[in-house]
Protein backbone atom coordinates (compact mmCIF):
# COMPACT_ATOMS: atom_id res chain seq x y z
CA MET A 1 118.62 191.20 -112.28
CA ARG A 2 121.55 188.86 -110.64
CA THR A 3 123.46 192.06 -110.09
CA LYS A 4 120.48 194.33 -108.81
CA SER A 5 119.83 190.95 -106.31
CA PHE A 6 123.52 190.85 -105.18
CA ILE A 7 123.27 194.57 -104.46
CA LEU A 8 120.47 194.52 -102.18
CA VAL A 9 121.62 191.29 -100.28
CA ALA A 10 125.16 193.36 -99.86
CA ALA A 11 123.51 196.06 -98.82
CA PHE A 12 121.41 194.27 -96.39
CA LEU A 13 123.86 192.92 -95.08
CA ALA A 14 126.10 195.51 -94.51
CA VAL A 15 123.38 197.12 -92.94
CA LEU A 16 123.70 194.06 -90.78
CA VAL A 17 127.25 194.62 -89.88
CA VAL A 18 126.75 198.10 -89.20
CA LEU A 19 123.93 197.40 -86.78
CA GLY A 20 125.47 194.41 -84.97
CA GLY A 21 128.43 196.87 -84.34
CA VAL A 22 126.25 199.42 -83.11
CA LEU A 23 124.43 197.40 -80.55
CA TYR A 24 127.94 195.79 -80.11
CA ALA A 25 129.26 199.47 -79.10
CA TYR A 26 126.48 200.13 -77.28
CA ASP A 27 126.72 197.30 -74.95
CA HIS A 28 130.40 197.33 -74.57
CA ALA A 29 129.74 200.75 -73.33
CA ARG A 30 127.35 200.07 -70.90
CA ALA A 31 129.48 196.43 -69.68
CA ASN A 32 130.69 198.11 -66.69
CA GLU A 33 127.36 199.52 -65.64
CA ILE A 34 124.68 197.18 -63.43
CA ALA A 35 121.07 197.08 -65.51
CA ASP A 36 118.27 198.93 -63.98
CA GLY A 37 116.23 196.42 -61.17
CA VAL A 38 119.23 194.85 -59.75
CA GLN A 39 119.68 195.07 -55.79
CA VAL A 40 121.87 193.72 -53.18
CA ALA A 41 120.38 193.19 -49.76
CA GLY A 42 117.54 195.54 -50.78
CA ILE A 43 119.61 198.30 -52.11
CA PRO A 44 118.90 199.58 -55.56
CA VAL A 45 121.87 199.59 -57.60
CA GLY A 46 120.57 199.20 -61.28
CA GLY A 47 121.94 202.06 -63.43
CA MET A 48 125.26 202.68 -61.03
CA SER A 49 129.27 201.78 -62.51
CA ALA A 50 130.58 199.15 -60.81
CA ASP A 51 132.66 202.01 -59.00
CA GLN A 52 129.30 203.88 -58.09
CA ALA A 53 127.88 200.62 -56.78
CA ALA A 54 130.30 199.97 -54.43
CA ALA A 55 130.24 203.22 -52.85
CA ARG A 56 126.87 203.19 -52.21
CA LEU A 57 127.22 199.51 -50.78
CA GLU A 58 130.05 200.63 -48.46
CA ARG A 59 127.57 203.29 -47.49
CA GLU A 60 124.43 201.28 -46.82
CA ILE A 61 125.80 197.91 -46.26
CA MET A 62 129.56 197.86 -44.51
CA ARG A 63 129.18 201.38 -42.70
CA PRO A 64 125.55 199.93 -40.52
CA LEU A 65 127.36 196.21 -40.36
CA GLU A 66 130.28 198.21 -38.20
CA ARG A 67 128.07 199.15 -35.24
CA PRO A 68 128.06 196.87 -32.38
CA ILE A 69 125.92 194.14 -31.33
CA VAL A 70 124.54 195.21 -27.83
CA ILE A 71 122.66 193.01 -25.21
CA HIS A 72 121.16 194.05 -22.13
CA HIS A 73 119.40 192.75 -18.98
CA ALA A 74 118.47 194.79 -16.27
CA ASN A 75 121.56 197.30 -15.81
CA LYS A 76 123.93 195.45 -17.23
CA THR A 77 124.95 195.82 -20.68
CA TRP A 78 127.43 193.71 -22.84
CA THR A 79 128.61 194.47 -26.56
CA LEU A 80 130.45 192.92 -29.62
CA GLY A 81 132.23 195.08 -32.41
CA ALA A 82 132.88 194.15 -35.35
CA ARG A 83 136.08 193.85 -35.46
CA GLU A 84 135.98 191.15 -32.31
CA ALA A 85 133.31 189.65 -34.71
CA ARG A 86 135.48 189.58 -37.51
CA ILE A 87 132.65 191.75 -40.19
CA ARG A 88 133.99 190.58 -43.08
CA VAL A 89 132.09 192.10 -46.20
CA ASP A 90 133.70 191.38 -49.47
CA LEU A 91 131.87 194.08 -51.72
CA SER A 92 134.29 193.42 -54.74
CA ALA A 93 132.15 189.83 -54.61
CA MET A 94 128.59 191.79 -53.84
CA VAL A 95 129.63 194.70 -57.21
CA ASP A 96 131.08 191.52 -59.80
CA GLN A 97 127.83 189.45 -58.86
CA ALA A 98 125.58 192.62 -60.01
CA VAL A 99 127.46 193.07 -62.88
CA ALA A 100 127.61 189.51 -63.64
CA LYS A 101 123.86 189.40 -63.31
CA SER A 102 123.38 192.45 -65.71
CA ARG A 103 124.92 190.79 -68.36
CA SER A 104 123.05 187.80 -68.70
CA GLY A 105 121.52 186.86 -71.71
CA ASP A 106 123.50 187.31 -74.97
CA LEU A 107 123.97 190.58 -77.13
CA PHE A 108 120.56 191.16 -78.16
CA THR A 109 118.99 190.10 -75.22
CA ARG A 110 121.08 192.95 -72.83
CA SER A 111 120.55 195.90 -75.86
CA TRP A 112 116.50 195.35 -75.79
CA ARG A 113 116.18 195.44 -72.48
CA SER A 114 118.52 198.16 -72.35
CA LEU A 115 116.47 200.11 -75.02
CA THR A 116 113.05 199.23 -73.92
CA GLY A 117 113.93 200.09 -70.32
CA GLU A 118 112.57 196.51 -69.20
CA LYS A 119 113.91 195.78 -65.54
CA LEU A 120 115.89 193.06 -63.70
CA ASP A 121 114.15 191.58 -60.89
CA ALA A 122 116.98 190.28 -58.92
CA ASP A 123 117.69 190.74 -55.54
CA LEU A 124 121.17 189.60 -54.56
CA ARG A 125 122.63 188.58 -51.11
CA PRO A 126 125.54 190.14 -49.88
CA SER A 127 128.74 188.19 -49.07
CA VAL A 128 128.89 188.80 -45.15
CA GLN A 129 130.69 186.59 -42.77
CA PHE A 130 131.33 186.42 -39.41
CA SER A 131 133.17 184.59 -36.20
CA ASP A 132 130.23 182.25 -34.97
CA ALA A 133 132.54 181.89 -32.17
CA SER A 134 132.45 185.22 -30.75
CA VAL A 135 128.56 185.61 -30.59
CA VAL A 136 129.20 182.47 -28.53
CA ARG A 137 131.90 184.02 -26.19
CA LEU A 138 129.61 187.15 -26.11
CA ILE A 139 126.87 184.84 -25.19
CA ASP A 140 128.76 183.19 -22.58
CA ARG A 141 129.85 186.89 -20.70
CA VAL A 142 125.97 186.85 -20.30
CA ARG A 143 125.55 184.20 -18.58
CA LYS A 144 128.04 183.94 -16.47
CA SER A 145 127.07 187.48 -14.81
CA VAL A 146 123.13 186.63 -15.16
CA GLU A 147 122.63 183.33 -14.44
CA ARG A 148 122.58 181.05 -11.50
CA PRO A 149 122.13 177.67 -10.88
CA ALA A 150 119.30 176.28 -8.84
CA LYS A 151 119.90 175.05 -5.31
CA ASP A 152 118.73 171.61 -3.85
CA ALA A 153 116.70 170.77 -0.65
CA SER A 154 118.63 169.38 1.81
CA VAL A 155 118.19 167.97 5.22
CA LYS A 156 121.14 167.02 7.64
CA LEU A 157 120.42 164.63 10.41
CA SER A 158 122.64 164.72 13.85
CA GLY A 159 122.62 163.71 17.13
CA VAL A 160 121.18 167.15 18.16
CA GLY A 161 118.41 166.88 15.26
CA LEU A 162 117.38 167.50 12.52
CA SER A 163 118.10 170.75 10.15
CA SER A 164 116.68 171.92 6.78
CA VAL A 165 118.09 173.66 4.13
CA PRO A 166 114.93 174.61 1.38
CA GLY A 167 115.51 174.47 -2.23
CA SER A 168 115.39 177.61 -4.95
CA ASP A 169 115.19 178.07 -7.94
CA GLY A 170 117.85 179.09 -10.52
CA LEU A 171 118.03 181.73 -13.23
CA ALA A 172 119.27 180.41 -17.15
CA ILE A 173 118.75 183.30 -20.34
CA GLN A 174 117.34 182.16 -22.66
CA ALA A 175 120.45 181.63 -24.96
CA SER A 176 119.30 179.35 -28.35
CA ALA A 177 116.69 181.84 -28.96
CA LEU A 178 119.51 184.77 -28.36
CA HIS A 179 121.95 183.06 -30.31
CA ARG A 180 119.55 182.78 -33.16
CA GLN A 181 118.81 186.13 -33.22
CA ILE A 182 121.85 187.43 -32.98
CA ASN A 183 123.27 185.24 -36.19
CA ALA A 184 120.35 186.45 -38.16
CA ALA A 185 120.97 190.33 -37.29
CA ILE A 186 124.71 190.43 -37.43
CA THR A 187 124.64 190.22 -41.18
CA SER A 188 121.88 192.31 -42.23
CA PRO A 189 122.47 195.90 -42.28
CA THR A 190 118.60 197.17 -41.80
CA ALA A 191 118.11 194.81 -38.74
CA GLU A 192 118.50 196.06 -35.18
CA ARG A 193 121.49 195.45 -33.30
CA THR A 194 119.98 195.54 -29.96
CA PHE A 195 118.72 192.90 -27.73
CA VAL A 196 117.55 192.11 -23.92
CA ALA A 197 118.55 188.91 -23.03
CA THR A 198 115.16 186.97 -21.55
CA THR A 199 115.68 184.57 -18.60
CA HIS A 200 113.59 182.08 -17.22
CA HIS A 201 114.00 179.80 -14.25
CA THR A 202 114.92 176.52 -13.91
CA GLU A 203 113.97 173.90 -10.81
CA PRO A 204 116.32 172.54 -8.50
CA LYS A 205 115.88 168.41 -8.83
CA VAL A 206 115.57 167.97 -5.23
CA SER A 207 112.57 170.22 -3.19
CA THR A 208 111.41 170.92 -0.12
CA ASP A 209 108.71 169.54 -0.85
CA ASP A 210 110.41 166.40 -2.06
CA LEU A 211 112.83 166.07 1.01
CA GLU A 212 109.36 166.32 3.37
CA ARG A 213 107.84 163.50 1.26
CA LYS A 214 111.14 161.76 1.75
CA TYR A 215 111.61 162.28 5.44
CA ARG A 216 107.83 162.65 6.48
CA THR A 217 109.12 160.86 9.75
CA VAL A 218 112.42 160.87 11.22
CA ILE A 219 113.74 158.88 14.00
CA ILE A 220 117.32 160.73 15.83
CA VAL A 221 118.80 158.57 18.23
CA ASN A 222 121.46 160.30 20.31
CA ARG A 223 122.90 157.32 22.64
CA GLY A 224 124.97 159.53 24.73
CA GLN A 225 121.71 161.65 25.61
CA PHE A 226 120.28 158.46 25.79
CA ARG A 227 117.10 160.14 23.75
CA LEU A 228 115.12 159.35 20.64
CA ARG A 229 113.65 162.43 19.12
CA LEU A 230 110.73 161.35 16.49
CA PHE A 231 110.73 163.92 13.28
CA LYS A 232 107.90 164.61 11.33
CA ASP A 233 107.55 166.62 8.31
CA LEU A 234 110.70 168.07 9.24
CA LYS A 235 109.91 169.14 13.01
CA LEU A 236 110.05 167.51 15.93
CA HIS A 237 107.20 166.06 16.95
CA GLU A 238 108.25 163.91 20.21
CA THR A 239 111.56 162.97 22.26
CA TYR A 240 111.35 159.51 24.41
CA PRO A 241 113.89 158.06 26.66
CA ILE A 242 115.91 154.97 25.79
CA ALA A 243 118.44 152.35 26.54
CA VAL A 244 121.30 151.62 24.45
CA GLY A 245 123.97 148.95 23.65
CA GLN A 246 126.20 148.24 26.62
CA VAL A 247 130.25 148.51 26.10
CA GLY A 248 131.14 146.05 23.57
CA LEU A 249 127.80 145.32 22.57
CA GLU A 250 127.17 149.11 20.98
CA THR A 251 123.67 150.34 19.12
CA PRO A 252 125.39 150.48 15.99
CA ALA A 253 126.23 154.35 14.59
CA GLY A 254 124.70 155.40 11.57
CA GLN A 255 121.75 156.55 9.44
CA TYR A 256 119.33 154.05 8.35
CA THR A 257 115.66 152.73 7.47
CA ILE A 258 113.09 151.18 9.59
CA ALA A 259 112.98 147.46 7.67
CA ASN A 260 110.27 145.75 9.34
CA LYS A 261 107.61 146.34 12.20
CA ALA A 262 106.09 143.85 14.42
CA ILE A 263 103.36 143.62 17.72
CA ASN A 264 104.40 141.07 20.46
CA PRO A 265 106.98 139.94 18.10
CA ALA A 266 108.92 136.04 18.57
CA TRP A 267 112.60 136.66 19.69
CA HIS A 268 115.10 135.32 17.61
CA VAL A 269 118.08 134.97 20.06
CA PRO A 270 121.23 135.57 18.20
CA ASN A 271 124.06 132.90 18.16
CA SER A 272 126.28 135.20 20.63
CA PRO A 273 128.24 133.95 23.52
CA TRP A 274 126.03 136.35 26.08
CA ALA A 275 122.84 134.40 24.70
CA GLY A 276 124.57 131.39 26.63
CA LYS A 277 122.27 128.55 26.50
CA LEU A 278 118.82 130.45 24.45
CA ALA A 279 121.35 131.17 21.49
CA GLY A 280 119.60 130.49 17.91
CA LYS A 281 115.93 129.89 19.76
CA VAL A 282 112.97 131.13 18.68
CA ILE A 283 111.12 132.56 22.32
CA PRO A 284 107.10 133.60 21.21
CA GLY A 285 105.67 136.66 21.64
CA ASN A 286 103.73 135.69 24.67
CA ASP A 287 106.72 133.94 26.83
CA PRO A 288 107.15 135.89 29.95
CA THR A 289 110.88 135.27 29.04
CA ASN A 290 110.62 137.16 25.87
CA PRO A 291 112.81 140.65 26.70
CA ILE A 292 110.91 142.08 23.20
CA LYS A 293 108.11 143.27 24.91
CA ALA A 294 104.85 144.88 23.26
CA ARG A 295 106.30 146.35 19.68
CA TRP A 296 109.32 146.02 17.32
CA LEU A 297 110.85 148.29 15.02
CA GLY A 298 113.76 146.62 13.18
CA VAL A 299 116.30 148.56 11.90
CA TYR A 300 119.59 146.92 11.11
CA ASP A 301 121.40 143.21 11.64
CA GLY A 302 118.61 142.21 14.69
CA VAL A 303 119.30 145.60 15.95
CA GLY A 304 115.78 147.27 16.55
CA ILE A 305 113.58 149.33 19.12
CA HIS A 306 111.68 147.53 20.96
CA GLY A 307 109.71 147.91 24.50
CA THR A 308 111.57 146.50 27.96
CA SER A 309 109.54 145.24 31.27
CA ASP A 310 112.85 146.33 32.90
CA ASP A 311 111.88 150.40 33.02
CA ALA A 312 114.92 150.50 35.64
CA SER A 313 117.03 150.28 32.71
CA ILE A 314 116.26 153.11 30.57
CA GLY A 315 118.86 156.03 30.51
CA SER A 316 121.52 153.84 30.64
CA ASN A 317 123.77 151.83 28.38
CA ALA A 318 122.14 148.38 29.19
CA SER A 319 120.98 146.32 25.88
CA HIS A 320 123.12 144.05 23.84
CA GLY A 321 122.64 146.41 21.03
CA CYS A 322 118.88 147.61 20.72
CA ILE A 323 117.34 150.45 21.68
CA ARG A 324 114.61 149.96 24.56
CA MET A 325 111.51 151.79 25.26
CA HIS A 326 108.88 152.30 28.17
CA ILE A 327 106.57 149.91 26.97
CA PRO A 328 103.67 152.71 26.50
CA ASP A 329 105.97 154.90 24.73
CA VAL A 330 106.73 151.90 22.28
CA GLU A 331 103.75 151.72 21.92
CA LYS A 332 102.71 155.14 20.75
CA LEU A 333 105.95 155.33 18.42
CA TYR A 334 105.12 152.36 16.33
CA ASP A 335 102.01 153.67 15.51
CA GLU A 336 103.57 156.86 14.42
CA VAL A 337 106.21 155.06 12.30
CA PRO A 338 106.21 153.51 9.00
CA VAL A 339 108.64 151.24 7.55
CA GLY A 340 110.77 152.62 5.32
CA ALA A 341 111.73 155.29 7.86
CA ALA A 342 114.82 157.02 8.09
CA ILE A 343 116.27 156.49 11.50
CA TYR A 344 119.64 157.88 12.23
CA ILE A 345 121.89 156.51 15.46
CA ALA A 346 124.40 159.08 16.60
């Protein structure tokens, strides 16, 4: 009885050994075969040998990746070739990955999967590298050709008047979005490799409207011509005859702003030799000896625009530095010019 049991056990073990040998031989014969259901970048390679898979991946991944990246804008075109982009595809790594995935599990799991036709659900990511710096250089070429900077509006003040140059919009490509699109496509064998560089307008930092607000009112004083020109909204509004400082007490040249205004102002006599015994005194506005008549528009360091009773001095170098005007003229100017308005003295 024992002998019979021993024989049965031995026979069973022998069958297992034989079956194991068969399974091992069966599995070993498929060691280089990729399991059904394995894909690389969506490309089925199941049931193929490593060499067959490599050939298919070269055909369906490498060759499409060799197509250039193309960017269009208007009638211009820029390209980035595979060599310049340094696109590198490691086919061996992809095939090895597919084989390794196919060999996952133990001998019995692999054999059962193969014998029953069970498929692996595996889509492997291809090993593709490229030079991002080359993409940046491509986009820089597009930018250099397409983009233009916005131009600020400007105003030039001179003795002859005021000239303005309107601002203009710039043009810029959507560089960041284009960069992301190219990077997403450059490693994909199925993605579109032609792009259109979209653009947007950029606004100047200083617009014409900004300058019109800043220079809504401008006074230009030409000492040589004895003329004061008033500009409103960047256009000549009125011209007045004036008197300016005499030799040695010249009206200071330069660009300033109207610092203060007053009606029938008091005269704070400067501590200057020319003032004589009046130096340092304050002459009330209603005092007949006060030379500042009707209105005052302060400019700089005691210099200002004011009316005068000495109408004969208009058109000459007659003042102690101030700008004299006929009284009706300065009254009109006073109402037109706010504190803070620009004044340019040439």
